[in-house]
Structures are given as C-alpha cells and as structure tokens.
PDB file of N, CA and C in Angstrom:
ATOM      1  N   MET A   1     -33.520-210.728 -39.274  1.00  0.00           N
ATOM      2  CA  MET A   1     -32.679-211.843 -39.673  1.00  0.00           C
ATOM      3  C   MET A   1     -31.226-211.533 -39.300  1.00  0.00           C
ATOM      4  N   ILE A   2     -30.492-212.586 -39.023  1.00  0.00           N
ATOM      5  CA  ILE A   2     -29.071-212.489 -38.692  1.00  0.00           C
ATOM      6  C   ILE A   2     -28.258-213.150 -39.799  1.00  0.00           C
ATOM      7  N   ASN A   3     -27.284-212.423 -40.315  1.00  0.00           N
ATOM      8  CA  ASN A   3     -26.337-212.977 -41.281  1.00  0.00           C
ATOM      9  C   ASN A   3     -25.070-213.312 -40.510  1.00  0.00           C
ATOM     10  N   HIS A   4     -24.649-214.572 -40.615  1.00  0.00           N
ATOM     11  CA  HIS A   4     -23.434-215.064 -39.951  1.00  0.00           C
ATOM     12  C   HIS A   4     -22.467-215.455 -41.060  1.00  0.00           C
ATOM     13  N   THR A   5     -21.404-214.680 -41.217  1.00  0.00           N
ATOM     14  CA  THR A   5     -20.421-214.925 -42.271  1.00  0.00           C
ATOM     15  C   THR A   5     -19.092-215.307 -41.637  1.00  0.00           C
ATOM     16  N   VAL A   6     -18.507-216.396 -42.130  1.00  0.00           N
ATOM     17  CA  VAL A   6     -17.232-216.886 -41.600  1.00  0.00           C
ATOM     18  C   VAL A   6     -16.279-217.116 -42.766  1.00  0.00           C
ATOM     19  N   LEU A   7     -15.062-216.631 -42.623  1.00  0.00           N
ATOM     20  CA  LEU A   7     -13.997-216.869 -43.599  1.00  0.00           C
ATOM     21  C   LEU A   7     -12.985-217.817 -42.977  1.00  0.00           C
ATOM     22  N   PHE A   8     -12.528-218.783 -43.774  1.00  0.00           N
ATOM     23  CA  PHE A   8     -11.552-219.765 -43.299  1.00  0.00           C
ATOM     24  C   PHE A   8     -10.298-219.715 -44.162  1.00  0.00           C
ATOM     25  N   LYS A   9      -9.156-219.760 -43.507  1.00  0.00           N
ATOM     26  CA  LYS A   9      -7.868-219.879 -44.208  1.00  0.00           C
ATOM     27  C   LYS A   9      -7.332-221.268 -43.925  1.00  0.00           C
ATOM     28  N   LEU A  10      -7.112-222.026 -44.982  1.00  0.00           N
ATOM     29  CA  LEU A  10      -6.614-223.387 -44.832  1.00  0.00           C
ATOM     30  C   LEU A  10      -5.126-223.388 -44.498  1.00  0.00           C
ATOM     31  N   ARG A  11      -4.715-224.446 -43.809  1.00  0.00           N
ATOM     32  CA  ARG A  11      -3.294-224.622 -43.517  1.00  0.00           C
ATOM     33  C   ARG A  11      -2.561-224.951 -44.823  1.00  0.00           C
ATOM     34  N   GLU A  12      -1.263-224.984 -44.761  1.00  0.00           N
ATOM     35  CA  GLU A  12      -0.454-225.317 -45.943  1.00  0.00           C
ATOM     36  C   GLU A  12      -0.559-226.816 -46.251  1.00  0.00           C
ATOM     37  N   PHE A  13      -0.572-227.135 -47.526  1.00  0.00           N
ATOM     38  CA  PHE A  13      -0.587-228.523 -47.985  1.00  0.00           C
ATOM     39  C   PHE A  13       0.578-228.722 -48.948  1.00  0.00           C
ATOM     40  N   ASP A  14       0.982-229.981 -49.116  1.00  0.00           N
ATOM     41  CA  ASP A  14       2.103-230.283 -50.002  1.00  0.00           C
ATOM     42  C   ASP A  14       1.779-229.954 -51.457  1.00  0.00           C
ATOM     43  N   THR A  15       0.517-230.170 -51.849  1.00  0.00           N
ATOM     44  CA  THR A  15       0.131-229.917 -53.239  1.00  0.00           C
ATOM     45  C   THR A  15      -1.211-229.195 -53.284  1.00  0.00           C
ATOM     46  N   GLU A  16      -1.484-228.556 -54.406  1.00  0.00           N
ATOM     47  CA  GLU A  16      -2.774-227.900 -54.610  1.00  0.00           C
ATOM     48  C   GLU A  16      -3.892-228.935 -54.687  1.00  0.00           C
ATOM     49  N   ASP A  17      -3.574-230.139 -55.177  1.00  0.00           N
ATOM     50  CA  ASP A  17      -4.582-231.205 -55.221  1.00  0.00           C
ATOM     51  C   ASP A  17      -5.048-231.577 -53.818  1.00  0.00           C
ATOM     52  N   GLN A  18      -4.100-231.692 -52.882  1.00  0.00           N
ATOM     53  CA  GLN A  18      -4.469-231.997 -51.493  1.00  0.00           C
ATOM     54  C   GLN A  18      -5.351-230.893 -50.919  1.00  0.00           C
ATOM     55  N   LYS A  19      -4.978-229.664 -51.190  1.00  0.00           N
ATOM     56  CA  LYS A  19      -5.759-228.532 -50.706  1.00  0.00           C
ATOM     57  C   LYS A  19      -7.156-228.555 -51.322  1.00  0.00           C
ATOM     58  N   GLY A  20      -7.245-228.883 -52.591  1.00  0.00           N
ATOM     59  CA  GLY A  20      -8.544-228.962 -53.268  1.00  0.00           C
ATOM     60  C   GLY A  20      -9.453-230.012 -52.670  1.00  0.00           C
ATOM     61  N   VAL A  21      -8.876-231.148 -52.305  1.00  0.00           N
ATOM     62  CA  VAL A  21      -9.659-232.221 -51.672  1.00  0.00           C
ATOM     63  C   VAL A  21     -10.223-231.744 -50.332  1.00  0.00           C
ATOM     64  N   VAL A  22      -9.400-231.062 -49.554  1.00  0.00           N
ATOM     65  CA  VAL A  22      -9.844-230.563 -48.252  1.00  0.00           C
ATOM     66  C   VAL A  22     -10.907-229.486 -48.433  1.00  0.00           C
ATOM     67  N   ARG A  23     -10.723-228.595 -49.393  1.00  0.00           N
ATOM     68  CA  ARG A  23     -11.724-227.562 -49.666  1.00  0.00           C
ATOM     69  C   ARG A  23     -13.070-228.195 -49.996  1.00  0.00           C
ATOM     70  N   ALA A  24     -13.063-229.199 -50.842  1.00  0.00           N
ATOM     71  CA  ALA A  24     -14.308-229.868 -51.230  1.00  0.00           C
ATOM     72  C   ALA A  24     -14.951-230.584 -50.033  1.00  0.00           C
ATOM     73  N   LYS A  25     -14.126-231.210 -49.214  1.00  0.00           N
ATOM     74  CA  LYS A  25     -14.632-231.922 -48.039  1.00  0.00           C
ATOM     75  C   LYS A  25     -15.289-230.952 -47.052  1.00  0.00           C
ATOM     76  N   LEU A  26     -14.648-229.812 -46.823  1.00  0.00           N
ATOM     77  CA  LEU A  26     -15.217-228.821 -45.916  1.00  0.00           C
ATOM     78  C   LEU A  26     -16.508-228.242 -46.480  1.00  0.00           C
ATOM     79  N   GLU A  27     -16.518-227.944 -47.762  1.00  0.00           N
ATOM     80  CA  GLU A  27     -17.733-227.412 -48.382  1.00  0.00           C
ATOM     81  C   GLU A  27     -18.891-228.395 -48.235  1.00  0.00           C
ATOM     82  N   HIS A  28     -18.642-229.647 -48.512  1.00  0.00           N
ATOM     83  CA  HIS A  28     -19.679-230.677 -48.398  1.00  0.00           C
ATOM     84  C   HIS A  28     -20.190-230.779 -46.952  1.00  0.00           C
ATOM     85  N   ALA A  29     -19.279-230.797 -45.986  1.00  0.00           N
ATOM     86  CA  ALA A  29     -19.664-230.920 -44.579  1.00  0.00           C
ATOM     87  C   ALA A  29     -20.483-229.712 -44.128  1.00  0.00           C
ATOM     88  N   LEU A  30     -20.078-228.523 -44.547  1.00  0.00           N
ATOM     89  CA  LEU A  30     -20.809-227.321 -44.167  1.00  0.00           C
ATOM     90  C   LEU A  30     -22.208-227.306 -44.788  1.00  0.00           C
ATOM     91  N   LEU A  31     -22.302-227.590 -46.071  1.00  0.00           N
ATOM     92  CA  LEU A  31     -23.605-227.573 -46.741  1.00  0.00           C
ATOM     93  C   LEU A  31     -24.555-228.626 -46.186  1.00  0.00           C
ATOM     94  N   ALA A  32     -24.028-229.728 -45.713  1.00  0.00           N
ATOM     95  CA  ALA A  32     -24.863-230.801 -45.153  1.00  0.00           C
ATOM     96  C   ALA A  32     -25.575-230.369 -43.869  1.00  0.00           C
ATOM     97  N   LEU A  33     -25.091-229.301 -43.232  1.00  0.00           N
ATOM     98  CA  LEU A  33     -25.724-228.827 -42.005  1.00  0.00           C
ATOM     99  C   LEU A  33     -27.153-228.342 -42.245  1.00  0.00           C
ATOM    100  N   LYS A  34     -27.457-227.909 -43.448  1.00  0.00           N
ATOM    101  CA  LYS A  34     -28.802-227.408 -43.759  1.00  0.00           C
ATOM    102  C   LYS A  34     -29.867-228.460 -43.485  1.00  0.00           C
ATOM    103  N   GLU A  35     -29.563-229.719 -43.751  1.00  0.00           N
ATOM    104  CA  GLU A  35     -30.521-230.804 -43.549  1.00  0.00           C
ATOM    105  C   GLU A  35     -30.544-231.301 -42.103  1.00  0.00           C
ATOM    106  N   LYS A  36     -29.611-230.842 -41.295  1.00  0.00           N
ATOM    107  CA  LYS A  36     -29.468-231.367 -39.933  1.00  0.00           C
ATOM    108  C   LYS A  36     -29.842-230.385 -38.835  1.00  0.00           C
ATOM    109  N   ILE A  37     -29.904-229.090 -39.165  1.00  0.00           N
ATOM    110  CA  ILE A  37     -30.148-228.076 -38.137  1.00  0.00           C
ATOM    111  C   ILE A  37     -31.325-227.204 -38.587  1.00  0.00           C
ATOM    112  N   ASP A  38     -32.434-227.350 -37.913  1.00  0.00           N
ATOM    113  CA  ASP A  38     -33.679-226.677 -38.306  1.00  0.00           C
ATOM    114  C   ASP A  38     -33.602-225.160 -38.281  1.00  0.00           C
ATOM    115  N   VAL A  39     -32.866-224.582 -37.338  1.00  0.00           N
ATOM    116  CA  VAL A  39     -32.821-223.119 -37.227  1.00  0.00           C
ATOM    117  C   VAL A  39     -31.988-222.469 -38.333  1.00  0.00           C
ATOM    118  N   LEU A  40     -31.263-223.255 -39.093  1.00  0.00           N
ATOM    119  CA  LEU A  40     -30.452-222.752 -40.200  1.00  0.00           C
ATOM    120  C   LEU A  40     -31.367-222.496 -41.394  1.00  0.00           C
ATOM    121  N   LYS A  41     -31.616-221.213 -41.690  1.00  0.00           N
ATOM    122  CA  LYS A  41     -32.566-220.832 -42.741  1.00  0.00           C
ATOM    123  C   LYS A  41     -31.941-220.803 -44.127  1.00  0.00           C
ATOM    124  N   TYR A  42     -30.654-220.517 -44.204  1.00  0.00           N
ATOM    125  CA  TYR A  42     -29.965-220.374 -45.491  1.00  0.00           C
ATOM    126  C   TYR A  42     -28.498-220.677 -45.272  1.00  0.00           C
ATOM    127  N   ILE A  43     -27.886-221.323 -46.267  1.00  0.00           N
ATOM    128  CA  ILE A  43     -26.443-221.562 -46.196  1.00  0.00           C
ATOM    129  C   ILE A  43     -25.856-221.483 -47.598  1.00  0.00           C
ATOM    130  N   GLU A  44     -24.700-220.877 -47.669  1.00  0.00           N
ATOM    131  CA  GLU A  44     -23.951-220.772 -48.921  1.00  0.00           C
ATOM    132  C   GLU A  44     -22.473-220.929 -48.581  1.00  0.00           C
ATOM    133  N   VAL A  45     -21.763-221.674 -49.393  1.00  0.00           N
ATOM    134  CA  VAL A  45     -20.322-221.842 -49.209  1.00  0.00           C
ATOM    135  C   VAL A  45     -19.641-221.483 -50.527  1.00  0.00           C
ATOM    136  N   GLY A  46     -18.671-220.598 -50.460  1.00  0.00           N
ATOM    137  CA  GLY A  46     -17.917-220.211 -51.646  1.00  0.00           C
ATOM    138  C   GLY A  46     -16.448-220.470 -51.429  1.00  0.00           C
ATOM    139  N   GLN A  47     -15.798-220.913 -52.496  1.00  0.00           N
ATOM    140  CA  GLN A  47     -14.356-221.141 -52.443  1.00  0.00           C
ATOM    141  C   GLN A  47     -13.650-220.062 -53.249  1.00  0.00           C
ATOM    142  N   ASN A  48     -12.597-219.515 -52.678  1.00  0.00           N
ATOM    143  CA  ASN A  48     -11.817-218.501 -53.370  1.00  0.00           C
ATOM    144  C   ASN A  48     -11.285-219.094 -54.676  1.00  0.00           C
ATOM    145  N   VAL A  49     -11.513-218.408 -55.772  1.00  0.00           N
ATOM    146  CA  VAL A  49     -11.109-218.939 -57.077  1.00  0.00           C
ATOM    147  C   VAL A  49      -9.634-218.716 -57.373  1.00  0.00           C
ATOM    148  N   GLU A  50      -8.990-217.892 -56.571  1.00  0.00           N
ATOM    149  CA  GLU A  50      -7.566-217.648 -56.762  1.00  0.00           C
ATOM    150  C   GLU A  50      -6.786-218.464 -55.732  1.00  0.00           C
ATOM    151  N   PHE A  51      -6.345-219.668 -56.130  1.00  0.00           N
ATOM    152  CA  PHE A  51      -5.724-220.615 -55.206  1.00  0.00           C
ATOM    153  C   PHE A  51      -4.473-220.080 -54.534  1.00  0.00           C
ATOM    154  N   ASN A  52      -3.682-219.287 -55.212  1.00  0.00           N
ATOM    155  CA  ASN A  52      -2.416-218.815 -54.657  1.00  0.00           C
ATOM    156  C   ASN A  52      -2.538-217.461 -53.977  1.00  0.00           C
ATOM    157  N   SER A  53      -3.752-217.043 -53.719  1.00  0.00           N
ATOM    158  CA  SER A  53      -3.994-215.754 -53.090  1.00  0.00           C
ATOM    159  C   SER A  53      -3.642-215.815 -51.596  1.00  0.00           C
ATOM    160  N   PRO A  54      -3.122-214.716 -51.032  1.00  0.00           N
ATOM    161  CA  PRO A  54      -2.832-214.700 -49.591  1.00  0.00           C
ATOM    162  C   PRO A  54      -4.091-214.503 -48.741  1.00  0.00           C
ATOM    163  N   SER A  55      -5.247-214.410 -49.372  1.00  0.00           N
ATOM    164  CA  SER A  55      -6.489-214.170 -48.641  1.00  0.00           C
ATOM    165  C   SER A  55      -7.095-215.485 -48.139  1.00  0.00           C
ATOM    166  N   PHE A  56      -8.299-215.407 -47.632  1.00  0.00           N
ATOM    167  CA  PHE A  56      -8.978-216.591 -47.107  1.00  0.00           C
ATOM    168  C   PHE A  56      -9.399-217.521 -48.238  1.00  0.00           C
ATOM    169  N   ASP A  57      -9.591-218.794 -47.906  1.00  0.00           N
ATOM    170  CA  ASP A  57      -9.878-219.823 -48.903  1.00  0.00           C
ATOM    171  C   ASP A  57     -11.357-220.140 -49.065  1.00  0.00           C
ATOM    172  N   ILE A  58     -12.110-220.086 -47.972  1.00  0.00           N
ATOM    173  CA  ILE A  58     -13.511-220.491 -47.994  1.00  0.00           C
ATOM    174  C   ILE A  58     -14.344-219.441 -47.265  1.00  0.00           C
ATOM    175  N   CYS A  59     -15.530-219.161 -47.812  1.00  0.00           N
ATOM    176  CA  CYS A  59     -16.471-218.238 -47.183  1.00  0.00           C
ATOM    177  C   CYS A  59     -17.776-218.980 -46.912  1.00  0.00           C
ATOM    178  N   LEU A  60     -18.244-218.895 -45.683  1.00  0.00           N
ATOM    179  CA  LEU A  60     -19.521-219.480 -45.275  1.00  0.00           C
ATOM    180  C   LEU A  60     -20.480-218.345 -44.950  1.00  0.00           C
ATOM    181  N   VAL A  61     -21.678-218.384 -45.552  1.00  0.00           N
ATOM    182  CA  VAL A  61     -22.719-217.408 -45.254  1.00  0.00           C
ATOM    183  C   VAL A  61     -23.942-218.183 -44.793  1.00  0.00           C
ATOM    184  N   THR A  62     -24.442-217.848 -43.593  1.00  0.00           N
ATOM    185  CA  THR A  62     -25.639-218.501 -43.066  1.00  0.00           C
ATOM    186  C   THR A  62     -26.594-217.432 -42.546  1.00  0.00           C
ATOM    187  N   HIS A  63     -27.895-217.772 -42.549  1.00  0.00           N
ATOM    188  CA  HIS A  63     -28.920-216.861 -42.036  1.00  0.00           C
ATOM    189  C   HIS A  63     -29.737-217.547 -40.961  1.00  0.00           C
ATOM    190  N   PHE A  64     -30.100-216.755 -39.957  1.00  0.00           N
ATOM    191  CA  PHE A  64     -30.914-217.213 -38.836  1.00  0.00           C
ATOM    192  C   PHE A  64     -31.959-216.143 -38.537  1.00  0.00           C
ATOM    193  N   GLU A  65     -33.077-216.552 -37.995  1.00  0.00           N
ATOM    194  CA  GLU A  65     -34.137-215.602 -37.653  1.00  0.00           C
ATOM    195  C   GLU A  65     -33.711-214.664 -36.531  1.00  0.00           C
ATOM    196  N   THR A  66     -32.985-215.179 -35.532  1.00  0.00           N
ATOM    197  CA  THR A  66     -32.627-214.399 -34.343  1.00  0.00           C
ATOM    198  C   THR A  66     -31.225-214.771 -33.870  1.00  0.00           C
ATOM    199  N   LEU A  67     -30.685-213.961 -32.977  1.00  0.00           N
ATOM    200  CA  LEU A  67     -29.407-214.294 -32.342  1.00  0.00           C
ATOM    201  C   LEU A  67     -29.535-215.564 -31.506  1.00  0.00           C
ATOM    202  N   TYR A  68     -30.691-215.761 -30.923  1.00  0.00           N
ATOM    203  CA  TYR A  68     -30.942-216.979 -30.142  1.00  0.00           C
ATOM    204  C   TYR A  68     -30.799-218.220 -31.032  1.00  0.00           C
ATOM    205  N   GLU A  69     -31.343-218.168 -32.232  1.00  0.00           N
ATOM    206  CA  GLU A  69     -31.220-219.309 -33.153  1.00  0.00           C
ATOM    207  C   GLU A  69     -29.771-219.499 -33.600  1.00  0.00           C
ATOM    208  N   LEU A  70     -29.042-218.411 -33.771  1.00  0.00           N
ATOM    209  CA  LEU A  70     -27.613-218.524 -34.083  1.00  0.00           C
ATOM    210  C   LEU A  70     -26.886-219.257 -32.958  1.00  0.00           C
ATOM    211  N   GLU A  71     -27.241-218.957 -31.730  1.00  0.00           N
ATOM    212  CA  GLU A  71     -26.619-219.637 -30.590  1.00  0.00           C
ATOM    213  C   GLU A  71     -26.986-221.120 -30.564  1.00  0.00           C
ATOM    214  N   ILE A  72     -28.224-221.459 -30.909  1.00  0.00           N
ATOM    215  CA  ILE A  72     -28.626-222.868 -31.007  1.00  0.00           C
ATOM    216  C   ILE A  72     -27.744-223.583 -32.030  1.00  0.00           C
ATOM    217  N   TYR A  73     -27.527-222.940 -33.156  1.00  0.00           N
ATOM    218  CA  TYR A  73     -26.659-223.481 -34.217  1.00  0.00           C
ATOM    219  C   TYR A  73     -25.233-223.684 -33.693  1.00  0.00           C
ATOM    220  N   ARG A  74     -24.713-222.692 -32.999  1.00  0.00           N
ATOM    221  CA  ARG A  74     -23.321-222.753 -32.524  1.00  0.00           C
ATOM    222  C   ARG A  74     -23.061-223.959 -31.626  1.00  0.00           C
ATOM    223  N   VAL A  75     -24.031-224.338 -30.817  1.00  0.00           N
ATOM    224  CA  VAL A  75     -23.818-225.434 -29.868  1.00  0.00           C
ATOM    225  C   VAL A  75     -24.441-226.755 -30.328  1.00  0.00           C
ATOM    226  N   HIS A  76     -25.037-226.756 -31.500  1.00  0.00           N
ATOM    227  CA  HIS A  76     -25.666-227.977 -32.020  1.00  0.00           C
ATOM    228  C   HIS A  76     -24.589-229.050 -32.247  1.00  0.00           C
ATOM    229  N   PRO A  77     -24.850-230.284 -31.841  1.00  0.00           N
ATOM    230  CA  PRO A  77     -23.855-231.362 -31.989  1.00  0.00           C
ATOM    231  C   PRO A  77     -23.366-231.571 -33.424  1.00  0.00           C
ATOM    232  N   GLU A  78     -24.243-231.414 -34.399  1.00  0.00           N
ATOM    233  CA  GLU A  78     -23.816-231.584 -35.803  1.00  0.00           C
ATOM    234  C   GLU A  78     -22.878-230.458 -36.225  1.00  0.00           C
ATOM    235  N   HIS A  79     -23.152-229.245 -35.758  1.00  0.00           N
ATOM    236  CA  HIS A  79     -22.264-228.125 -36.051  1.00  0.00           C
ATOM    237  C   HIS A  79     -20.914-228.332 -35.379  1.00  0.00           C
ATOM    238  N   LEU A  80     -20.927-228.806 -34.143  1.00  0.00           N
ATOM    239  CA  LEU A  80     -19.670-229.027 -33.423  1.00  0.00           C
ATOM    240  C   LEU A  80     -18.799-230.083 -34.098  1.00  0.00           C
ATOM    241  N   LYS A  81     -19.408-231.070 -34.734  1.00  0.00           N
ATOM    242  CA  LYS A  81     -18.632-232.061 -35.504  1.00  0.00           C
ATOM    243  C   LYS A  81     -17.903-231.383 -36.656  1.00  0.00           C
ATOM    244  N   VAL A  82     -18.601-230.502 -37.344  1.00  0.00           N
ATOM    245  CA  VAL A  82     -17.984-229.794 -38.474  1.00  0.00           C
ATOM    246  C   VAL A  82     -16.920-228.828 -37.974  1.00  0.00           C
ATOM    247  N   VAL A  83     -17.145-228.219 -36.830  1.00  0.00           N
ATOM    248  CA  VAL A  83     -16.143-227.325 -36.239  1.00  0.00           C
ATOM    249  C   VAL A  83     -14.826-228.069 -36.037  1.00  0.00           C
ATOM    250  N   GLU A  84     -14.883-229.282 -35.544  1.00  0.00           N
ATOM    251  CA  GLU A  84     -13.661-230.068 -35.335  1.00  0.00           C
ATOM    252  C   GLU A  84     -12.958-230.355 -36.662  1.00  0.00           C
ATOM    253  N   LEU A  85     -13.721-230.672 -37.688  1.00  0.00           N
ATOM    254  CA  LEU A  85     -13.148-230.898 -39.021  1.00  0.00           C
ATOM    255  C   LEU A  85     -12.487-229.619 -39.527  1.00  0.00           C
ATOM    256  N   VAL A  86     -13.161-228.502 -39.364  1.00  0.00           N
ATOM    257  CA  VAL A  86     -12.615-227.214 -39.808  1.00  0.00           C
ATOM    258  C   VAL A  86     -11.329-226.890 -39.048  1.00  0.00           C
ATOM    259  N   LYS A  87     -11.338-227.065 -37.747  1.00  0.00           N
ATOM    260  CA  LYS A  87     -10.154-226.764 -36.934  1.00  0.00           C
ATOM    261  C   LYS A  87      -8.938-227.579 -37.372  1.00  0.00           C
ATOM    262  N   SER A  88      -9.159-228.820 -37.791  1.00  0.00           N
ATOM    263  CA  SER A  88      -8.042-229.672 -38.187  1.00  0.00           C
ATOM    264  C   SER A  88      -7.435-229.270 -39.531  1.00  0.00           C
ATOM    265  N   SER A  89      -8.131-228.414 -40.279  1.00  0.00           N
ATOM    266  CA  SER A  89      -7.690-228.057 -41.624  1.00  0.00           C
ATOM    267  C   SER A  89      -7.379-226.585 -41.817  1.00  0.00           C
ATOM    268  N   THR A  90      -7.628-225.763 -40.804  1.00  0.00           N
ATOM    269  CA  THR A  90      -7.478-224.324 -40.980  1.00  0.00           C
ATOM    270  C   THR A  90      -6.474-223.724 -39.996  1.00  0.00           C
ATOM    271  N   VAL A  91      -5.992-222.538 -40.353  1.00  0.00           N
ATOM    272  CA  VAL A  91      -5.064-221.814 -39.482  1.00  0.00           C
ATOM    273  C   VAL A  91      -5.629-220.481 -39.019  1.00  0.00           C
ATOM    274  N   ASP A  92      -6.715-220.036 -39.654  1.00  0.00           N
ATOM    275  CA  ASP A  92      -7.293-218.748 -39.285  1.00  0.00           C
ATOM    276  C   ASP A  92      -8.745-218.686 -39.722  1.00  0.00           C
ATOM    277  N   ARG A  93      -9.498-217.826 -39.040  1.00  0.00           N
ATOM    278  CA  ARG A  93     -10.881-217.578 -39.432  1.00  0.00           C
ATOM    279  C   ARG A  93     -11.254-216.176 -39.011  1.00  0.00           C
ATOM    280  N   ALA A  94     -12.241-215.631 -39.681  1.00  0.00           N
ATOM    281  CA  ALA A  94     -12.798-214.322 -39.343  1.00  0.00           C
ATOM    282  C   ALA A  94     -14.313-214.450 -39.398  1.00  0.00           C
ATOM    283  N   VAL A  95     -14.996-213.747 -38.479  1.00  0.00           N
ATOM    284  CA  VAL A  95     -16.451-213.861 -38.383  1.00  0.00           C
ATOM    285  C   VAL A  95     -17.072-212.481 -38.315  1.00  0.00           C
ATOM    286  N   VAL A  96     -18.197-212.306 -39.022  1.00  0.00           N
ATOM    287  CA  VAL A  96     -19.008-211.119 -38.911  1.00  0.00           C
ATOM    288  C   VAL A  96     -20.466-211.563 -38.804  1.00  0.00           C
ATOM    289  N   ASP A  97     -21.154-211.067 -37.781  1.00  0.00           N
ATOM    290  CA  ASP A  97     -22.582-211.313 -37.602  1.00  0.00           C
ATOM    291  C   ASP A  97     -23.280-209.957 -37.641  1.00  0.00           C
ATOM    292  N   TYR A  98     -24.340-209.870 -38.460  1.00  0.00           N
ATOM    293  CA  TYR A  98     -25.074-208.603 -38.509  1.00  0.00           C
ATOM    294  C   TYR A  98     -26.538-208.845 -38.810  1.00  0.00           C
ATOM    295  N   GLU A  99     -27.363-207.871 -38.409  1.00  0.00           N
ATOM    296  CA  GLU A  99     -28.796-207.931 -38.679  1.00  0.00           C
ATOM    297  C   GLU A  99     -29.073-207.336 -40.054  1.00  0.00           C
ATOM    298  N   PHE A 100     -30.046-207.939 -40.728  1.00  0.00           N
ATOM    299  CA  PHE A 100     -30.469-207.363 -42.007  1.00  0.00           C
ATOM    300  C   PHE A 100     -31.955-207.488 -42.167  1.00  0.00           C
TER     301      PHE A 100
END
C-alpha cells in the first residue's frame, strides 16, 4: 500500500471566519473524491486546531494499492478540479509518499 500525505498552508485572509469557510470548502472537496475515484482506497482530512499557528492548516492522508494507482489519482479529472481549488487558496504544500 502507498500512503500519500499532503500538507496545505492557506493564504492570508482578512478574518478567521473567511479562513474557516475556505478550510471547510477544501475539506469537503477533498473528501468528495472518495466517491469519484475508484483507486482511492482511503481518505482522511484533518484541520489544524491551532488557527494562529505558523504551521500548515490542512492535512490530507490517502491510501492507494500501488504507485501506479497513485498516478491514476494524480491525473484524474476530478482530482485536477480539486487541485485548482486548492491552488487558489494555498501558498504552500508538502508531500510525503511511502509504502506501508
């Protein structure tokens, strides 16, 4: 199995309420991928509970049977739609992929 973990840092917003709305929207969009992409075996989205922390804001954890299936996910049209949404709201990301 392949674990694909991605951390996202959101851009600055005028208020914490605006940031909260974007966090919820991204979480919903990411979780919806489970019903749209067959090779996605598991998905979890966590939001950093410390809003004023200098660390990342959102953590995505996904599992795939193989690296090939991870690549199918990466280029899937539904995933690419979410990628565009994420890009419009974030300033940084970090990724770790490993076998388990």
